[in-house]
Structure formats: C-alpha cells, structure tokens
C-alpha cells in the first residue's frame, strides 16, 4: 500500500476495545476490509463482535466464532462477512468461501489474514492488536481514503470525551444527499442526543465565475449558518433543537434529539393534522420581520444569503444539464439552452414584488419531527435548515405542499393552502397586508423552480454520486411540476418542456 498511513492508540481495557470496534463500524463502508491480526487473547474476537453488533445496532446479536465454518455472513445495514482463516487448508480455498463477492457487496473482517495473504487484496485496513501492560496497543495501517474516515470517527470520540460523554454509545442514524452524516448518541445515563458529522466538503469544479456549485447556490459549508438560524428559530418560539456543543473548525455538533416521529403514518402516507400544523409554523415565521444578520459563535455574524437570480437559475439548470440528457439520450441544443435560461430570466423578474423572508429551504417530511407531547406549534420540530436563505416566502409553502418524498392528496394540498392564507390574513405581513394574488404567482414560480431542480438532482445523484434510491421520486416530481405549470405565468416554460420532449403527466 504505497499511499498507506498509520496510527496507534492505546486501549486500556476491554470496554475501550469494544468502543473502538463500535466506532470502526461508523468508519467503514462497502468494499472495505480489515486484516485483523494479533496473538491469541489479544482481543480480536472482542473487537470483531463489537464491530458487528454496532453495525447491526443490536447488542444481543449472536456472533459465533467462524473458526470452524471459516466464514460467517450477516445481512446488516451494510452486509458483513467475518472470516477466520486459521484453519484454511489451502489459500486457493478462499475463492470457495466467496470472499470477492462478500467484499463487493459489503465489508469484511478477516482474522489470520496471513494464511491467504497473497490472494487477498493489497488495499486493506491492517489492524494489529498487541498486549501492552494491562491493555492493548492497536496499530492501524490503511490507504489514506479509509484512514481519513477512521481519523474522523476517532476525532468525534475525542469530542465526546472532551464534553463529558466518555464511553457514550454511538450508532449510525442517517446520511443525506450532502457530505453530512448523523449519529445517535446514548449517554451513560441513557439520554439520547444527536451528533451531526459535518466535514467540510471538497471544493469541487468551478461552474460559474470560478465558483463551485455549492458557493453559487449558497449552500452552507460549515456549522455557523445552522447554529445561527437554529438560535433565531428558538428565539421566535419555534421548536428547533437545542445545540449543546459545537466544534466549528472540525464540523462536529452535538444537539438535542427532538424524536423520531414524523408527519407520515406507518404506510408512508401524510397525516393531515401534522402537515396542517407545519403550515401554521410557516405562517407564524413569515409574519415576523425579516432578520438577515444573525450573531453566532462568540463574535461571528452570519449574513443569511439572498436566494438571488444566479442561485435560482443555477438550480433550475439541473433539469437542463442532467434530466433532459437522461430522459431523451441527447443533451440540450444551444438554442434550447438559451431559450430555457431566457424563460427563467423572465420568471425571476416576475418575483420582484414578492414578499420575502427567511426560507428554511427543505421544509418537507424528512425534516419535520412530530412531538405529540407538546402543544400548538411546539409539536412541530424543525431540523435541516443550514441552507436557509432570504427569498420569496412562497418557496417553503411549495416545498411542504408538494412534498418531494410523499404524495400529498389534492384535498390536503388545498386545505394547507387555505390554512396558510387564513393565517396570513389574520397575522398580516411585516410589510403590510398579505397579497394573495401575488403570492400565488410566486408560489407557482417557486414550485416550478424547485421541481426543475429536483428533476435534475435525482439524475445527478444517480449518475455522478452513485445514489440510485432517489430516482423513485421522479414521477412525483414531474407531477408536481405539471401542477405548477398550470399558472398562466408559467406558460412559456410549459411550452418549452413540450418542445424539448419532457413528458409531464396530467396534474
């Protein structure tokens, strides 16, 4: 391994060995394998058992020794295979054990790897355990890509220890379409917290004026925006999570766990009461005077960016750059590009008179927590608002009414719009009276912009990022786009889609 890096750490007792095994389960992914070596009694089985139980999130998972079977397979969050090659008769038997297939589908732990060393992939994570005093010394050698992930989980463990959570149990919670990942933290007294793992993303290629896509569309690159908006929402009385500890430089946050219940039922259908209460949150937020500069982090001021014309067009271009070539097999012509972008120039000018305020940006089912024990708006927990901007208030209502992850029945969508209008008429607008006609035009433009972005994003996640699971949302996204295009102001975009061969369902 020419690009290999090494590190060593002392594991003072069996509990620390178990914790290290559990932390490794957060660092490894499909295609990774650990060459686990050490004398008898050095802790290989203890570490392997902890790793597999953490991957299963099941402390009682039966983990038999594969000494006699040579391999034990597990269907977990990531499929895993535990090999023990001590009794391997001949190195060629490795093929019969299905090592290559197991590695292609998941992660592998290999004890006694030296028994088939020449036939095992050179790109490995070598982990050697040695007795030292009353504990064990763990020496890890790995390619830099895997070592970076291992260092990251160890840094998070140091963060938890520093803030008084030594020995806390960590389990994978979720990842998202960005570089962020989340863990569930269970403290020594059984309290559940959420850890946000937010390493700074790579710069990426320039897409406009020498700037990468995240900077053009104002995506948050560090925790300051999340913390600033969180504190502002809490100040208004909305249920954003309390932030307990933050390492801004490393991008690690420990926050309150608002719960795991959402606005959908067990079959994945929207629960009307919960969506309608979320509408109340939006109406309440939009009735407050806009604040764009928010103090945060001891002297830092976060200036909430504007959802400007450049950002809107760059997002809408995803349909042009990704969806259209995927749909018809040929990229857009120069004439089609020019016409599409010109249409968006005109639609964005139509937004000039729109009411503007804080946009949470992804206000839909994955980011809404239902807190049945609370009352009123406090029943709606808000998360994932780090990319907030200042823009047309209609955007967030479009995001909710046209939830990208779930089909919203027409009757519920109509009720949500009526609820919002009634509330805004009651609460008013910071700039004066609430103009429903202007708002509906803005709603249609913002709904179209968001769905053009999503129609391209689902394809980009598939083709560039290897995440095919999002493509299941495409039919819904196109239905929503068709609904938005019914407004007379969107007629030019509706006609462009027809000419370009983008088939939209009847809304």
Protein backbone atom coordinates (compact mmCIF):
# COMPACT_ATOMS: atom_id res chain seq x y z
CA UNK A 1 0.00 0.00 0.00
CA UNK A 2 2.10 2.87 -1.29
CA UNK A 3 -0.33 5.51 -0.06
CA UNK A 4 -0.82 3.86 3.34
CA UNK A 5 -0.86 5.82 6.59
CA UNK A 6 -0.55 4.51 10.15
CA UNK A 7 -1.69 5.39 13.63
CA UNK A 8 -1.56 3.73 17.03
CA UNK A 9 -3.79 4.05 20.05
CA UNK A 10 -3.85 2.53 23.49
CA UNK A 11 -6.91 0.54 24.53
CA UNK A 12 -6.72 0.45 28.29
CA UNK A 13 -9.25 -2.32 28.91
CA UNK A 14 -11.90 -4.47 27.28
CA UNK A 15 -14.50 -1.68 27.39
CA UNK A 16 -12.22 0.56 25.33
CA UNK A 17 -11.62 -2.26 22.86
CA UNK A 18 -15.38 -2.64 22.47
CA UNK A 19 -15.84 1.10 21.99
CA UNK A 20 -13.11 1.13 19.35
CA UNK A 21 -14.77 -1.74 17.49
CA UNK A 22 -18.08 0.11 17.60
CA UNK A 23 -16.51 3.31 16.32
CA UNK A 24 -14.89 1.45 13.42
CA UNK A 25 -18.38 0.38 12.32
CA UNK A 26 -19.10 4.06 11.64
CA UNK A 27 -15.97 4.47 9.50
CA UNK A 28 -16.17 1.53 7.12
CA UNK A 29 -18.29 1.04 4.04
CA UNK A 30 -18.90 -1.34 1.17
CA UNK A 31 -15.65 -2.60 -0.30
CA UNK A 32 -13.58 -2.09 2.87
CA UNK A 33 -11.89 -4.97 4.65
CA UNK A 34 -9.90 -5.31 7.84
CA UNK A 35 -6.93 -7.64 8.13
CA UNK A 36 -7.18 -8.35 11.87
CA UNK A 37 -4.08 -9.82 13.46
CA UNK A 38 -2.71 -10.45 16.95
CA UNK A 39 -1.79 -13.22 19.34
CA UNK A 40 -4.38 -15.44 20.98
CA UNK A 41 -6.23 -13.42 23.63
CA UNK A 42 -5.19 -10.09 22.13
CA UNK A 43 -8.84 -9.07 21.66
CA UNK A 44 -9.54 -9.85 18.01
CA UNK A 45 -12.83 -11.62 18.75
CA UNK A 46 -13.89 -8.91 21.21
CA UNK A 47 -13.31 -6.21 18.63
CA UNK A 48 -14.97 -8.16 15.80
CA UNK A 49 -18.03 -8.88 17.95
CA UNK A 50 -18.35 -5.22 18.94
CA UNK A 51 -17.99 -4.12 15.31
CA UNK A 52 -20.72 -6.46 14.07
CA UNK A 53 -23.14 -5.69 16.89
CA UNK A 54 -22.71 -1.97 16.30
CA UNK A 55 -23.31 -2.42 12.58
CA UNK A 56 -26.48 -4.35 13.46
CA UNK A 57 -27.39 -1.88 16.23
CA UNK A 58 -28.17 -4.99 18.27
CA UNK A 59 -26.14 -5.55 21.47
CA UNK A 60 -27.55 -9.08 21.71
CA UNK A 61 -26.62 -10.13 18.16
CA UNK A 62 -25.22 -13.65 18.25
CA UNK A 63 -21.70 -13.56 16.81
CA UNK A 64 -20.33 -17.10 16.73
CA UNK A 65 -16.66 -17.68 16.04
CA UNK A 66 -16.03 -18.65 12.42
CA UNK A 67 -13.04 -20.78 13.42
CA UNK A 68 -14.61 -23.98 12.07
CA UNK A 69 -17.02 -22.59 9.45
CA UNK A 70 -14.27 -20.20 8.21
CA UNK A 71 -16.86 -17.53 7.34
CA UNK A 72 -19.98 -16.14 8.96
CA UNK A 73 -22.20 -13.77 6.93
CA UNK A 74 -24.51 -11.07 8.30
CA UNK A 75 -27.24 -9.11 6.50
CA UNK A 76 -26.94 -5.78 8.31
CA UNK A 77 -27.12 -2.06 7.44
CA UNK A 78 -24.05 -2.86 5.38
CA UNK A 79 -23.71 -6.58 4.61
CA UNK A 80 -20.77 -8.02 6.55
CA UNK A 81 -18.71 -11.21 6.45
CA UNK A 82 -16.46 -12.40 9.26
CA UNK A 83 -13.65 -14.70 8.10
CA UNK A 84 -11.29 -16.76 10.25
CA UNK A 85 -8.59 -18.29 8.04
CA UNK A 86 -6.64 -20.09 10.77
CA UNK A 87 -7.88 -23.50 9.57
CA UNK A 88 -7.72 -22.67 5.88
CA UNK A 89 -6.33 -25.79 4.22
CA UNK A 90 -5.07 -24.08 1.09
CA UNK A 91 -5.03 -20.44 0.07
CA UNK A 92 -6.98 -21.30 -3.08
CA UNK A 93 -9.98 -22.23 -0.90
CA UNK A 94 -10.59 -18.52 -0.42
CA UNK A 95 -12.49 -18.42 -3.70
CA UNK A 96 -14.85 -21.13 -2.46
CA UNK A 97 -15.60 -19.03 0.63
CA UNK A 98 -16.89 -16.19 -1.57
CA UNK A 99 -14.51 -13.51 -0.36
CA UNK A 100 -14.63 -11.42 -3.56
CA UNK A 101 -18.43 -11.47 -3.62
CA UNK A 102 -18.64 -10.56 0.07
CA UNK A 103 -16.26 -7.65 -0.44
CA UNK A 104 -18.14 -6.39 -3.48
CA UNK A 105 -21.41 -6.33 -1.52
CA UNK A 106 -20.24 -5.16 1.89
CA UNK A 107 -17.46 -5.12 4.45
CA UNK A 108 -15.19 -7.98 5.55
CA UNK A 109 -13.35 -8.77 8.77
CA UNK A 110 -10.52 -11.26 8.29
CA UNK A 111 -8.74 -12.92 11.20
CA UNK A 112 -5.46 -14.71 10.45
CA UNK A 113 -5.15 -12.99 7.03
CA UNK A 114 -1.57 -14.21 6.65
CA UNK A 115 -2.95 -17.67 5.81
CA UNK A 116 -4.03 -16.36 2.39
CA UNK A 117 -2.02 -13.20 2.18
CA UNK A 118 -1.05 -13.40 -1.49
CA UNK A 119 -4.67 -13.86 -2.58
CA UNK A 120 -6.16 -11.04 -0.52
CA UNK A 121 -6.47 -7.53 -1.98
CA UNK A 122 -3.49 -5.31 -1.20
CA UNK A 123 -5.77 -2.36 -0.43
CA UNK A 124 -6.63 -3.27 3.12
CA UNK A 125 -7.04 -1.86 6.60
CA UNK A 126 -4.45 -3.70 8.67
CA UNK A 127 -5.27 -3.76 12.38
CA UNK A 128 -2.82 -5.36 14.76
CA UNK A 129 -3.64 -5.86 18.45
CA UNK A 130 -0.80 -6.42 20.93
CA UNK A 131 -0.74 -6.86 24.67
CA UNK A 132 0.79 -3.86 26.41
CA UNK A 133 0.82 -3.54 30.19
CA UNK A 134 -2.78 -4.17 31.32
CA UNK A 135 -4.28 -3.14 27.99
CA UNK A 136 -3.78 -3.46 24.27
CA UNK A 137 -1.97 -1.42 21.64
CA UNK A 138 -3.90 -1.11 18.37
CA UNK A 139 -1.83 -0.27 15.29
CA UNK A 140 -3.75 0.62 12.15
CA UNK A 141 -2.32 0.91 8.65
CA UNK A 142 -4.65 1.81 5.82
CA UNK A 143 -4.93 3.66 2.50
CA UNK A 144 -5.40 7.37 3.05
CA UNK A 145 -9.07 7.30 1.97
CA UNK A 146 -10.03 4.79 4.67
CA UNK A 147 -7.61 6.29 7.19
CA UNK A 148 -9.29 9.67 6.80
CA UNK A 149 -12.60 8.10 7.83
CA UNK A 150 -11.00 6.31 10.76
CA UNK A 151 -9.36 9.51 11.97
CA UNK A 152 -12.74 11.22 11.69
CA UNK A 153 -14.55 8.75 13.96
CA UNK A 154 -11.69 8.96 16.45
CA UNK A 155 -11.90 12.78 16.40
CA UNK A 156 -15.61 12.55 17.16
CA UNK A 157 -14.86 10.20 20.05
CA UNK A 158 -12.36 12.78 21.39
CA UNK A 159 -15.03 15.49 21.02
CA UNK A 160 -17.48 13.45 23.09
CA UNK A 161 -14.88 12.66 25.74
CA UNK A 162 -13.92 16.34 25.96
CA UNK A 163 -17.51 17.39 26.66
CA UNK A 164 -18.18 14.83 29.35
CA UNK A 165 -19.62 11.94 27.36
CA UNK A 166 -16.81 9.45 27.79
CA UNK A 167 -17.94 5.95 26.93
CA UNK A 168 -21.13 7.15 25.21
CA UNK A 169 -22.61 4.69 22.74
CA UNK A 170 -22.59 5.80 19.12
CA UNK A 171 -24.77 4.41 16.35
CA UNK A 172 -25.26 5.41 12.73
CA UNK A 173 -28.52 7.30 12.28
CA UNK A 174 -28.63 8.54 8.71
CA UNK A 175 -26.78 10.22 5.91
CA UNK A 176 -28.24 12.63 3.37
CA UNK A 177 -27.56 13.83 -0.15
CA UNK A 178 -24.71 16.02 1.13
CA UNK A 179 -21.49 15.17 2.97
CA UNK A 180 -23.27 15.31 6.35
CA UNK A 181 -23.98 12.22 8.41
CA UNK A 182 -25.76 11.81 11.74
CA UNK A 183 -25.26 9.56 14.73
CA UNK A 184 -27.42 8.68 17.69
CA UNK A 185 -25.53 9.21 20.94
CA UNK A 186 -26.66 7.41 24.09
CA UNK A 187 -25.04 8.83 27.22
CA UNK A 188 -24.13 6.98 30.38
CA UNK A 189 -27.47 7.90 31.97
CA UNK A 190 -29.47 6.75 28.93
CA UNK A 191 -30.15 10.18 27.40
CA UNK A 192 -30.40 10.23 23.60
CA UNK A 193 -28.66 13.00 21.68
CA UNK A 194 -27.89 13.61 18.00
CA UNK A 195 -24.40 14.17 16.65
CA UNK A 196 -24.05 15.99 13.35
CA UNK A 197 -20.90 14.95 11.50
CA UNK A 198 -20.25 17.73 9.01
CA UNK A 199 -16.76 17.63 7.49
CA UNK A 200 -16.08 20.49 5.14
CA UNK A 201 -16.88 19.28 1.61
CA UNK A 202 -14.29 19.32 -1.17
CA UNK A 203 -14.23 22.48 -3.25
CA UNK A 204 -15.48 20.80 -6.44
CA UNK A 205 -15.12 22.06 -10.02
CA UNK A 206 -15.96 25.62 -10.96
CA UNK A 207 -19.34 26.00 -12.64
CA UNK A 208 -19.72 29.79 -12.80
CA UNK A 209 -17.30 32.70 -12.43
CA UNK A 210 -14.65 30.41 -10.95
CA UNK A 211 -17.01 29.23 -8.17
CA UNK A 212 -18.14 25.66 -7.48
CA UNK A 213 -21.84 24.78 -7.40
CA UNK A 214 -22.27 24.96 -3.57
CA UNK A 215 -20.99 28.55 -3.48
CA UNK A 216 -23.09 29.67 -6.43
CA UNK A 217 -26.31 28.41 -4.80
CA UNK A 218 -25.20 29.42 -1.29
CA UNK A 219 -25.08 26.00 0.35
CA UNK A 220 -23.72 26.07 3.90
CA UNK A 221 -20.12 24.85 4.14
CA UNK A 222 -19.67 24.97 7.93
CA UNK A 223 -21.85 24.91 11.07
CA UNK A 224 -22.19 28.70 11.54
CA UNK A 225 -25.37 29.03 9.41
CA UNK A 226 -27.06 26.09 11.14
CA UNK A 227 -26.32 27.41 14.61
CA UNK A 228 -27.32 30.98 13.72
CA UNK A 229 -30.68 30.01 12.21
CA UNK A 230 -31.31 27.50 14.99
CA UNK A 231 -30.91 30.18 17.65
CA UNK A 232 -33.14 32.57 15.70
CA UNK A 233 -35.94 29.99 15.36
CA UNK A 234 -35.73 29.16 19.06
CA UNK A 235 -35.87 32.86 19.86
CA UNK A 236 -39.17 33.06 17.95
CA UNK A 237 -40.55 30.16 20.00
CA UNK A 238 -40.31 27.52 17.27
CA UNK A 239 -39.07 24.03 18.13
CA UNK A 240 -35.56 23.86 16.71
CA UNK A 241 -33.13 21.60 18.63
CA UNK A 242 -31.01 22.95 21.45
CA UNK A 243 -27.35 22.92 20.44
CA UNK A 244 -25.25 21.55 23.28
CA UNK A 245 -21.69 21.64 21.92
CA UNK A 246 -20.09 22.75 18.66
CA UNK A 247 -16.65 22.41 17.11
CA UNK A 248 -16.88 24.86 14.23
CA UNK A 249 -13.45 24.03 12.83
CA UNK A 250 -13.99 20.28 12.64
CA UNK A 251 -17.70 20.46 11.84
CA UNK A 252 -18.99 18.44 14.78
CA UNK A 253 -22.20 19.36 16.63
CA UNK A 254 -23.99 17.67 19.50
CA UNK A 255 -27.65 18.63 19.59
CA UNK A 256 -30.93 17.80 21.27
CA UNK A 257 -32.82 14.80 19.94
CA UNK A 258 -36.29 16.04 19.03
CA UNK A 259 -37.53 12.48 18.46
CA UNK A 260 -38.03 10.17 15.52
CA UNK A 261 -41.73 10.52 14.77
CA UNK A 262 -42.59 12.39 11.58
CA UNK A 263 -45.63 13.62 9.67
CA UNK A 264 -46.27 10.26 7.93
CA UNK A 265 -48.17 7.19 9.10
CA UNK A 266 -46.82 3.63 9.17
CA UNK A 267 -47.64 3.19 5.45
CA UNK A 268 -45.82 6.38 4.50
CA UNK A 269 -48.97 8.46 3.96
CA UNK A 270 -49.24 12.07 5.14
CA UNK A 271 -51.10 12.68 8.40
CA UNK A 272 -53.22 15.78 7.71
CA UNK A 273 -53.10 17.18 11.27
CA UNK A 274 -49.32 17.18 11.24
CA UNK A 275 -48.96 18.81 7.84
CA UNK A 276 -51.52 21.47 8.76
CA UNK A 277 -49.66 22.26 11.98
CA UNK A 278 -46.46 22.60 9.94
CA UNK A 279 -48.28 25.18 7.80
CA UNK A 280 -49.02 27.12 10.99
CA UNK A 281 -45.29 27.23 11.73
CA UNK A 282 -44.61 28.72 8.31
CA UNK A 283 -47.35 31.32 8.60
CA UNK A 284 -46.06 32.31 12.04
CA UNK A 285 -42.47 32.56 10.81
CA UNK A 286 -43.43 34.63 7.77
CA UNK A 287 -45.44 37.08 9.89
CA UNK A 288 -42.26 38.21 11.67
CA UNK A 289 -39.99 40.92 10.40
CA UNK A 290 -37.07 39.54 8.44
CA UNK A 291 -33.62 39.47 10.05
CA UNK A 292 -30.68 38.83 7.76
CA UNK A 293 -27.67 39.28 10.06
CA UNK A 294 -27.59 36.84 12.96
CA UNK A 295 -24.87 36.80 15.67
CA UNK A 296 -23.39 33.38 16.35
CA UNK A 297 -20.38 31.69 17.89
CA UNK A 298 -18.85 34.43 20.00
CA UNK A 299 -18.27 37.35 17.65
CA UNK A 300 -19.20 35.76 14.32
CA UNK A 301 -22.14 37.23 12.38
CA UNK A 302 -23.90 35.05 9.84
CA UNK A 303 -25.33 37.02 6.92
CA UNK A 304 -28.16 34.92 5.52
CA UNK A 305 -27.62 34.90 1.75
CA UNK A 306 -30.28 36.03 -0.69
CA UNK A 307 -31.95 33.45 -2.88
CA UNK A 308 -30.84 35.53 -5.82
CA UNK A 309 -31.35 35.15 -9.56
CA UNK A 310 -27.98 33.45 -10.02
CA UNK A 311 -28.80 30.76 -7.43
CA UNK A 312 -32.32 30.24 -8.77
CA UNK A 313 -31.10 29.78 -12.34
CA UNK A 314 -28.21 27.53 -11.35
CA UNK A 315 -30.61 25.21 -9.53
CA UNK A 316 -33.16 25.30 -12.38
CA UNK A 317 -30.34 24.37 -14.78
CA UNK A 318 -30.19 20.91 -13.23
CA UNK A 319 -33.18 19.93 -15.36
CA UNK A 320 -31.33 21.17 -18.44
CA UNK A 321 -27.95 19.63 -17.59
CA UNK A 322 -28.99 16.31 -16.07
CA UNK A 323 -32.66 15.44 -16.55
CA UNK A 324 -33.01 16.26 -20.23
CA UNK A 325 -29.99 14.19 -21.43
CA UNK A 326 -31.08 11.29 -19.20
CA UNK A 327 -34.67 11.46 -20.45
CA UNK A 328 -34.11 11.61 -24.19
CA UNK A 329 -30.50 10.46 -24.56
CA UNK A 330 -29.20 13.70 -26.09
CA UNK A 331 -28.08 16.93 -24.41
CA UNK A 332 -29.86 20.23 -24.88
CA UNK A 333 -29.04 22.15 -28.03
CA UNK A 334 -27.60 25.63 -27.77
CA UNK A 335 -30.96 27.04 -28.84
CA UNK A 336 -32.80 25.00 -26.19
CA UNK A 337 -30.36 26.17 -23.51
CA UNK A 338 -30.69 29.80 -24.49
CA UNK A 339 -34.49 29.63 -24.60
CA UNK A 340 -34.72 27.83 -21.22
CA UNK A 341 -32.44 30.27 -19.42
CA UNK A 342 -34.20 33.24 -21.03
CA UNK A 343 -37.54 31.94 -19.79
CA UNK A 344 -36.14 31.71 -16.28
CA UNK A 345 -34.80 35.27 -16.53
CA UNK A 346 -38.35 36.37 -17.20
CA UNK A 347 -39.89 34.25 -14.45
CA UNK A 348 -37.41 35.52 -11.88
CA UNK A 349 -38.25 39.12 -12.83
CA UNK A 350 -41.89 38.25 -12.10
CA UNK A 351 -40.83 37.67 -8.48
CA UNK A 352 -39.76 41.29 -7.95
CA UNK A 353 -42.87 42.21 -5.98
CA UNK A 354 -42.98 39.01 -3.93
CA UNK A 355 -42.96 39.01 -0.15
CA UNK A 356 -39.57 37.86 1.14
CA UNK A 357 -38.47 36.37 4.44
CA UNK A 358 -36.43 33.51 5.86
CA UNK A 359 -36.63 30.32 3.79
CA UNK A 360 -35.86 27.04 5.52
CA UNK A 361 -35.35 25.60 2.00
CA UNK A 362 -36.12 21.92 2.55
CA UNK A 363 -39.30 22.16 4.60
CA UNK A 364 -40.82 18.73 3.96
CA UNK A 365 -41.38 15.36 5.62
CA UNK A 366 -37.76 14.22 6.29
CA UNK A 367 -37.09 17.44 8.18
CA UNK A 368 -40.27 17.67 10.26
CA UNK A 369 -40.40 15.95 13.66
CA UNK A 370 -43.78 15.38 15.32
CA UNK A 371 -43.70 15.90 19.08
CA UNK A 372 -47.04 14.66 20.34
CA UNK A 373 -46.21 15.51 23.97
CA UNK A 374 -46.02 19.23 23.13
CA UNK A 375 -48.81 21.62 22.20
CA UNK A 376 -49.50 24.02 19.33
CA UNK A 377 -46.57 24.89 17.09
CA UNK A 378 -44.19 23.27 19.58
CA UNK A 379 -45.46 19.93 18.30
CA UNK A 380 -43.54 20.55 15.07
CA UNK A 381 -39.80 20.07 15.43
CA UNK A 382 -37.63 21.71 12.77
CA UNK A 383 -34.29 20.36 11.50
CA UNK A 384 -32.01 20.63 8.45
CA UNK A 385 -32.21 24.39 7.86
CA UNK A 386 -28.50 25.15 7.41
CA UNK A 387 -29.06 26.24 3.79
CA UNK A 388 -31.62 28.88 4.75
CA UNK A 389 -31.81 31.97 2.55
CA UNK A 390 -33.84 35.13 2.22
CA UNK A 391 -36.31 34.81 -0.61
CA UNK A 392 -39.98 34.53 -1.61
CA UNK A 393 -41.95 33.09 1.31
CA UNK A 394 -43.95 31.03 -1.17
CA UNK A 395 -40.94 28.73 -1.64
CA UNK A 396 -41.27 26.95 1.70
CA UNK A 397 -45.02 26.53 1.33
CA UNK A 398 -44.44 24.99 -2.11
CA UNK A 399 -41.81 22.69 -0.57
CA UNK A 400 -44.33 21.47 2.02
CA UNK A 401 -47.47 21.27 -0.11
CA UNK A 402 -45.51 19.50 -2.85
CA UNK A 403 -43.51 17.26 -0.52
CA UNK A 404 -40.74 15.73 -2.63
CA UNK A 405 -40.78 12.46 -0.67
CA UNK A 406 -44.52 11.69 -0.45
CA UNK A 407 -47.73 12.06 -2.45
CA UNK A 408 -49.90 14.82 -0.99
CA UNK A 409 -53.59 14.26 -1.84
CA UNK A 410 -55.19 17.14 -3.71
CA UNK A 411 -57.71 17.74 -0.91
CA UNK A 412 -54.97 18.02 1.72
CA UNK A 413 -52.90 20.32 -0.53
CA UNK A 414 -55.91 22.61 -0.99
CA UNK A 415 -56.59 22.60 2.76
CA UNK A 416 -52.97 23.50 3.53
CA UNK A 417 -53.08 26.43 1.11
CA UNK A 418 -56.37 27.63 2.65
CA UNK A 419 -54.94 27.31 6.16
CA UNK A 420 -51.90 29.37 5.22
CA UNK A 421 -53.95 32.12 3.61
CA UNK A 422 -56.31 32.30 6.59
CA UNK A 423 -53.41 32.55 9.00
CA UNK A 424 -51.60 35.20 6.97
CA UNK A 425 -54.77 37.27 6.70
CA UNK A 426 -55.04 37.03 10.48
CA UNK A 427 -51.40 37.73 11.32
CA UNK A 428 -50.64 40.09 8.48
CA UNK A 429 -47.29 40.74 6.86
CA UNK A 430 -44.29 42.69 8.23
CA UNK A 431 -44.52 44.86 5.12
CA UNK A 432 -48.26 45.45 5.31
CA UNK A 433 -51.24 43.49 4.03
CA UNK A 434 -50.88 40.00 2.60
CA UNK A 435 -51.37 39.96 -1.19
CA UNK A 436 -52.84 36.56 -2.10
CA UNK A 437 -52.76 37.01 -5.88
CA UNK A 438 -49.08 37.97 -5.92
CA UNK A 439 -48.33 35.15 -3.51
CA UNK A 440 -49.98 32.53 -5.76
CA UNK A 441 -47.95 33.68 -8.75
CA UNK A 442 -44.82 33.46 -6.63
CA UNK A 443 -45.90 30.03 -5.34
CA UNK A 444 -46.23 28.67 -8.88
CA UNK A 445 -42.85 30.03 -9.98
CA UNK A 446 -41.11 28.73 -6.88
CA UNK A 447 -42.80 25.33 -7.18
CA UNK A 448 -41.65 25.09 -10.79
CA UNK A 449 -38.12 26.17 -9.90
CA UNK A 450 -37.87 23.64 -7.09
CA UNK A 451 -39.18 20.77 -9.19
CA UNK A 452 -36.92 21.60 -12.13
CA UNK A 453 -34.03 21.44 -9.67
CA UNK A 454 -35.21 18.14 -8.18
CA UNK A 455 -35.85 16.53 -11.57
CA UNK A 456 -32.19 17.12 -12.38
CA UNK A 457 -30.90 16.41 -8.89
CA UNK A 458 -32.33 12.90 -8.80
CA UNK A 459 -30.43 12.09 -12.01
CA UNK A 460 -27.22 13.70 -10.76
CA UNK A 461 -27.38 11.67 -7.56
CA UNK A 462 -27.77 8.54 -9.69
CA UNK A 463 -25.12 9.20 -12.32
CA UNK A 464 -22.50 11.24 -10.51
CA UNK A 465 -22.86 10.16 -6.88
CA UNK A 466 -23.95 6.53 -7.26
CA UNK A 467 -27.15 7.04 -5.24
CA UNK A 468 -29.96 5.47 -7.29
CA UNK A 469 -32.52 5.43 -4.48
CA UNK A 470 -33.65 9.00 -5.13
CA UNK A 471 -34.87 8.19 -8.64
CA UNK A 472 -38.08 6.74 -7.21
CA UNK A 473 -39.21 10.32 -6.53
CA UNK A 474 -39.06 11.30 -10.22
CA UNK A 475 -42.71 10.56 -11.18
CA UNK A 476 -43.95 12.59 -8.23
CA UNK A 477 -41.59 15.47 -9.04
CA UNK A 478 -42.85 15.64 -12.62
CA UNK A 479 -46.48 15.59 -11.43
CA UNK A 480 -45.75 18.48 -9.10
CA UNK A 481 -44.01 20.36 -11.90
CA UNK A 482 -47.06 19.86 -14.10
CA UNK A 483 -49.26 21.34 -11.37
CA UNK A 484 -47.03 24.40 -11.04
CA UNK A 485 -47.03 24.96 -14.80
CA UNK A 486 -50.82 25.40 -14.84
CA UNK A 487 -50.41 29.04 -13.77
CA UNK A 488 -50.63 31.40 -16.73
CA UNK A 489 -47.28 32.99 -15.89
CA UNK A 490 -45.59 29.60 -16.44
CA UNK A 491 -46.96 29.13 -19.98
CA UNK A 492 -43.55 29.74 -21.65
CA UNK A 493 -41.88 27.06 -19.52
CA UNK A 494 -44.75 24.65 -20.12
CA UNK A 495 -44.35 25.10 -23.87
CA UNK A 496 -40.55 24.72 -23.66
CA UNK A 497 -40.96 21.36 -21.88
CA UNK A 498 -43.31 20.20 -24.62
CA UNK A 499 -40.87 21.17 -27.37
CA UNK A 500 -37.93 19.58 -25.55
CA UNK A 501 -39.75 16.26 -25.23
CA UNK A 502 -40.15 16.30 -21.45
CA UNK A 503 -43.41 14.45 -20.93
CA UNK A 504 -45.34 15.80 -17.97
CA UNK A 505 -48.32 13.90 -16.54
CA UNK A 506 -51.73 15.48 -16.31
CA UNK A 507 -51.91 17.26 -12.93
